[in-house]
């Protein structure tokens, strides 16, 4: 399923991590192998570099060990996607 995330606050960052498998899930969780494809992220407070920084460095969950690259001021990639 293709999804877009509107805002990279606490919930937006958690949704993005969940979509890319960045959250630990128990083996018996039916959502463990979700098939979400994030196609758009909207953040009003800054561009792609700010959004990538918000995703990579989280005050609660710590640093996300997935490569996050800023393509240009309008896009970023998480884990090459």
N, C-alpha and C. Protein backbone atom coordinates (compact mmCIF):
# COMPACT_ATOMS: atom_id res chain seq x y z
N UNK A 1 0.83 -1.16 0.00
CA UNK A 1 0.00 0.00 0.00
C UNK A 1 0.90 1.24 0.00
N UNK A 2 0.60 2.18 -0.86
CA UNK A 2 1.35 3.43 -0.92
C UNK A 2 0.76 4.42 0.08
N UNK A 3 1.65 5.07 0.85
CA UNK A 3 1.19 6.02 1.85
C UNK A 3 2.02 7.30 1.77
N UNK A 4 1.44 8.39 2.24
CA UNK A 4 2.13 9.66 2.40
C UNK A 4 2.07 10.04 3.87
N UNK A 5 3.09 10.71 4.36
CA UNK A 5 3.13 11.13 5.75
C UNK A 5 3.08 12.65 5.79
N UNK A 6 2.10 13.18 6.49
CA UNK A 6 1.91 14.62 6.59
C UNK A 6 2.46 15.10 7.93
N UNK A 7 3.69 15.58 7.93
CA UNK A 7 4.33 16.09 9.14
C UNK A 7 5.29 15.08 9.73
N UNK A 8 6.44 15.57 10.16
CA UNK A 8 7.45 14.68 10.73
C UNK A 8 7.63 14.95 12.22
N UNK A 9 6.50 15.12 12.91
CA UNK A 9 6.52 15.19 14.36
C UNK A 9 6.72 13.78 14.91
N UNK A 10 6.35 13.59 16.16
CA UNK A 10 6.53 12.28 16.81
C UNK A 10 5.83 11.17 16.02
N UNK A 11 4.58 11.38 15.64
CA UNK A 11 3.83 10.34 14.94
C UNK A 11 4.36 10.10 13.53
N UNK A 12 4.73 11.15 12.83
CA UNK A 12 5.26 10.99 11.48
C UNK A 12 6.56 10.20 11.46
N UNK A 13 7.44 10.50 12.42
CA UNK A 13 8.72 9.76 12.49
C UNK A 13 8.49 8.31 12.86
N UNK A 14 7.56 8.05 13.77
CA UNK A 14 7.26 6.66 14.13
C UNK A 14 6.65 5.90 12.96
N UNK A 15 5.78 6.57 12.20
CA UNK A 15 5.18 5.92 11.03
C UNK A 15 6.24 5.58 9.99
N UNK A 16 7.18 6.50 9.78
CA UNK A 16 8.24 6.25 8.80
C UNK A 16 9.13 5.09 9.25
N UNK A 17 9.52 5.09 10.52
CA UNK A 17 10.34 3.98 11.04
C UNK A 17 9.61 2.65 10.93
N UNK A 18 8.32 2.65 11.25
CA UNK A 18 7.55 1.41 11.16
C UNK A 18 7.47 0.92 9.72
N UNK A 19 7.29 1.84 8.78
CA UNK A 19 7.19 1.44 7.37
C UNK A 19 8.49 0.85 6.86
N UNK A 20 9.63 1.31 7.39
CA UNK A 20 10.93 0.82 6.93
C UNK A 20 11.50 -0.25 7.85
N UNK A 21 10.71 -0.73 8.80
CA UNK A 21 11.18 -1.79 9.68
C UNK A 21 12.14 -1.31 10.74
N UNK A 22 12.09 -0.03 11.09
CA UNK A 22 13.01 0.52 12.08
C UNK A 22 12.53 0.38 13.51
N UNK A 23 11.37 -0.22 13.72
CA UNK A 23 10.86 -0.46 15.06
C UNK A 23 10.89 -1.94 15.36
N UNK A 24 11.27 -2.30 16.56
CA UNK A 24 11.29 -3.71 16.96
C UNK A 24 9.86 -4.19 17.16
N UNK A 25 9.52 -5.30 16.54
CA UNK A 25 8.20 -5.91 16.73
C UNK A 25 8.39 -7.36 17.17
N UNK A 26 7.54 -7.83 18.08
CA UNK A 26 7.62 -9.23 18.48
C UNK A 26 7.35 -10.16 17.30
N UNK A 27 7.84 -11.37 17.38
CA UNK A 27 7.70 -12.33 16.27
C UNK A 27 6.24 -12.68 15.98
N UNK A 28 5.36 -12.60 16.98
CA UNK A 28 3.97 -12.97 16.75
C UNK A 28 3.08 -11.77 16.38
N UNK A 29 3.67 -10.61 16.14
CA UNK A 29 2.91 -9.42 15.75
C UNK A 29 2.49 -9.54 14.29
N UNK A 30 1.18 -9.48 13.99
CA UNK A 30 0.73 -9.62 12.60
C UNK A 30 1.19 -8.48 11.69
N UNK A 31 1.61 -7.35 12.26
CA UNK A 31 2.08 -6.21 11.46
C UNK A 31 3.58 -6.27 11.21
N UNK A 32 4.23 -7.33 11.63
CA UNK A 32 5.68 -7.43 11.55
C UNK A 32 6.20 -7.27 10.11
N UNK A 33 5.55 -7.87 9.15
CA UNK A 33 6.00 -7.81 7.75
C UNK A 33 5.06 -6.94 6.93
N UNK A 34 4.84 -5.70 7.39
CA UNK A 34 3.92 -4.83 6.65
C UNK A 34 4.48 -4.51 5.28
N UNK A 35 3.61 -4.09 4.41
CA UNK A 35 3.98 -3.79 3.03
C UNK A 35 3.64 -2.34 2.70
N UNK A 36 4.13 -1.41 3.51
CA UNK A 36 3.87 0.00 3.26
C UNK A 36 4.98 0.59 2.42
N UNK A 37 4.60 1.37 1.43
CA UNK A 37 5.57 2.07 0.58
C UNK A 37 5.33 3.57 0.78
N UNK A 38 6.28 4.23 1.42
CA UNK A 38 6.16 5.67 1.66
C UNK A 38 6.56 6.38 0.37
N UNK A 39 5.61 7.10 -0.22
CA UNK A 39 5.87 7.77 -1.50
C UNK A 39 6.01 9.27 -1.35
N UNK A 40 5.58 9.83 -0.21
CA UNK A 40 5.69 11.28 -0.02
C UNK A 40 5.73 11.60 1.47
N UNK A 41 6.59 12.55 1.83
CA UNK A 41 6.67 13.06 3.20
C UNK A 41 6.54 14.57 3.12
N UNK A 42 5.66 15.13 3.92
CA UNK A 42 5.42 16.57 3.93
C UNK A 42 5.84 17.12 5.28
N UNK A 43 6.73 18.10 5.30
CA UNK A 43 7.14 18.76 6.54
C UNK A 43 7.18 20.26 6.29
N UNK A 44 6.36 21.00 7.01
CA UNK A 44 6.22 22.44 6.78
C UNK A 44 7.39 23.24 7.37
N UNK A 45 8.07 22.72 8.38
CA UNK A 45 9.09 23.48 9.10
C UNK A 45 10.45 23.51 8.43
N UNK A 46 10.68 22.74 7.39
CA UNK A 46 11.99 22.74 6.76
C UNK A 46 12.01 21.89 5.51
N UNK A 47 13.15 21.88 4.85
CA UNK A 47 13.30 21.12 3.63
C UNK A 47 13.71 19.68 3.89
N UNK A 48 14.27 19.07 2.87
CA UNK A 48 14.65 17.66 2.93
C UNK A 48 15.75 17.41 3.95
N UNK A 49 16.72 18.33 4.05
CA UNK A 49 17.83 18.14 4.99
C UNK A 49 17.33 18.15 6.44
N UNK A 50 16.41 19.04 6.76
CA UNK A 50 15.85 19.11 8.11
C UNK A 50 15.04 17.85 8.40
N UNK A 51 14.24 17.43 7.45
CA UNK A 51 13.42 16.23 7.63
C UNK A 51 14.29 14.99 7.81
N UNK A 52 15.35 14.87 7.02
CA UNK A 52 16.26 13.73 7.16
C UNK A 52 16.92 13.73 8.53
N UNK A 53 17.28 14.90 9.03
CA UNK A 53 17.88 15.00 10.35
C UNK A 53 16.89 14.59 11.44
N UNK A 54 15.63 15.03 11.32
CA UNK A 54 14.61 14.65 12.29
C UNK A 54 14.40 13.14 12.32
N UNK A 55 14.48 12.52 11.15
CA UNK A 55 14.28 11.07 11.06
C UNK A 55 15.48 10.33 11.66
N UNK A 56 16.68 10.77 11.35
CA UNK A 56 17.88 10.05 11.78
C UNK A 56 18.14 10.17 13.28
N UNK A 57 17.92 11.33 13.85
CA UNK A 57 18.23 11.57 15.27
C UNK A 57 16.93 11.76 16.04
N UNK A 58 16.57 10.76 16.84
CA UNK A 58 15.33 10.78 17.60
C UNK A 58 15.65 10.85 19.09
N UNK A 59 15.03 11.78 19.81
CA UNK A 59 15.34 11.96 21.23
C UNK A 59 14.86 10.80 22.10
N UNK A 60 13.88 10.04 21.65
CA UNK A 60 13.37 8.92 22.42
C UNK A 60 14.02 7.61 21.99
N UNK A 61 14.05 7.33 20.68
CA UNK A 61 14.54 6.05 20.17
C UNK A 61 16.01 6.07 19.80
N UNK A 62 16.65 7.22 19.86
CA UNK A 62 18.07 7.31 19.52
C UNK A 62 18.29 7.40 18.02
N UNK A 63 19.54 7.23 17.65
CA UNK A 63 19.91 7.35 16.24
C UNK A 63 19.45 6.11 15.47
N UNK A 64 18.89 6.34 14.29
CA UNK A 64 18.43 5.25 13.43
C UNK A 64 19.60 4.78 12.60
N UNK A 65 19.92 3.51 12.68
CA UNK A 65 21.09 2.95 12.00
C UNK A 65 20.78 2.53 10.57
N UNK A 66 19.98 3.28 9.89
CA UNK A 66 19.69 3.07 8.47
C UNK A 66 20.24 4.27 7.71
N UNK A 67 20.96 4.04 6.61
CA UNK A 67 21.51 5.18 5.86
C UNK A 67 20.41 6.11 5.36
N UNK A 68 20.55 7.40 5.65
CA UNK A 68 19.61 8.41 5.20
C UNK A 68 20.39 9.44 4.41
N UNK A 69 20.02 9.60 3.14
CA UNK A 69 20.75 10.50 2.25
C UNK A 69 19.81 11.56 1.70
N UNK A 70 20.30 12.81 1.66
CA UNK A 70 19.52 13.89 1.07
C UNK A 70 19.87 13.96 -0.40
N UNK A 71 18.86 13.77 -1.27
CA UNK A 71 19.08 13.81 -2.72
C UNK A 71 19.27 15.24 -3.19
N UNK A 72 18.39 16.10 -2.82
CA UNK A 72 18.47 17.53 -3.11
C UNK A 72 17.62 18.21 -2.05
N UNK A 73 17.30 19.45 -2.20
CA UNK A 73 16.50 20.14 -1.19
C UNK A 73 15.05 19.68 -1.18
N UNK A 74 14.65 18.88 -2.15
CA UNK A 74 13.26 18.44 -2.20
C UNK A 74 13.07 16.95 -1.94
N UNK A 75 14.14 16.20 -1.69
CA UNK A 75 13.97 14.78 -1.49
C UNK A 75 15.06 14.15 -0.64
N UNK A 76 14.73 13.02 -0.03
CA UNK A 76 15.71 12.25 0.71
C UNK A 76 15.37 10.77 0.56
N UNK A 77 16.37 9.94 0.80
CA UNK A 77 16.20 8.49 0.65
C UNK A 77 16.56 7.81 1.97
N UNK A 78 15.77 6.82 2.33
CA UNK A 78 16.02 6.03 3.54
C UNK A 78 16.39 4.63 3.09
N UNK A 79 17.59 4.21 3.40
CA UNK A 79 18.03 2.88 3.00
C UNK A 79 18.07 2.68 1.50
N UNK A 80 18.31 3.74 0.76
CA UNK A 80 18.39 3.66 -0.70
C UNK A 80 17.05 3.69 -1.40
N UNK A 81 15.95 3.89 -0.67
CA UNK A 81 14.61 3.91 -1.28
C UNK A 81 14.05 5.31 -1.26
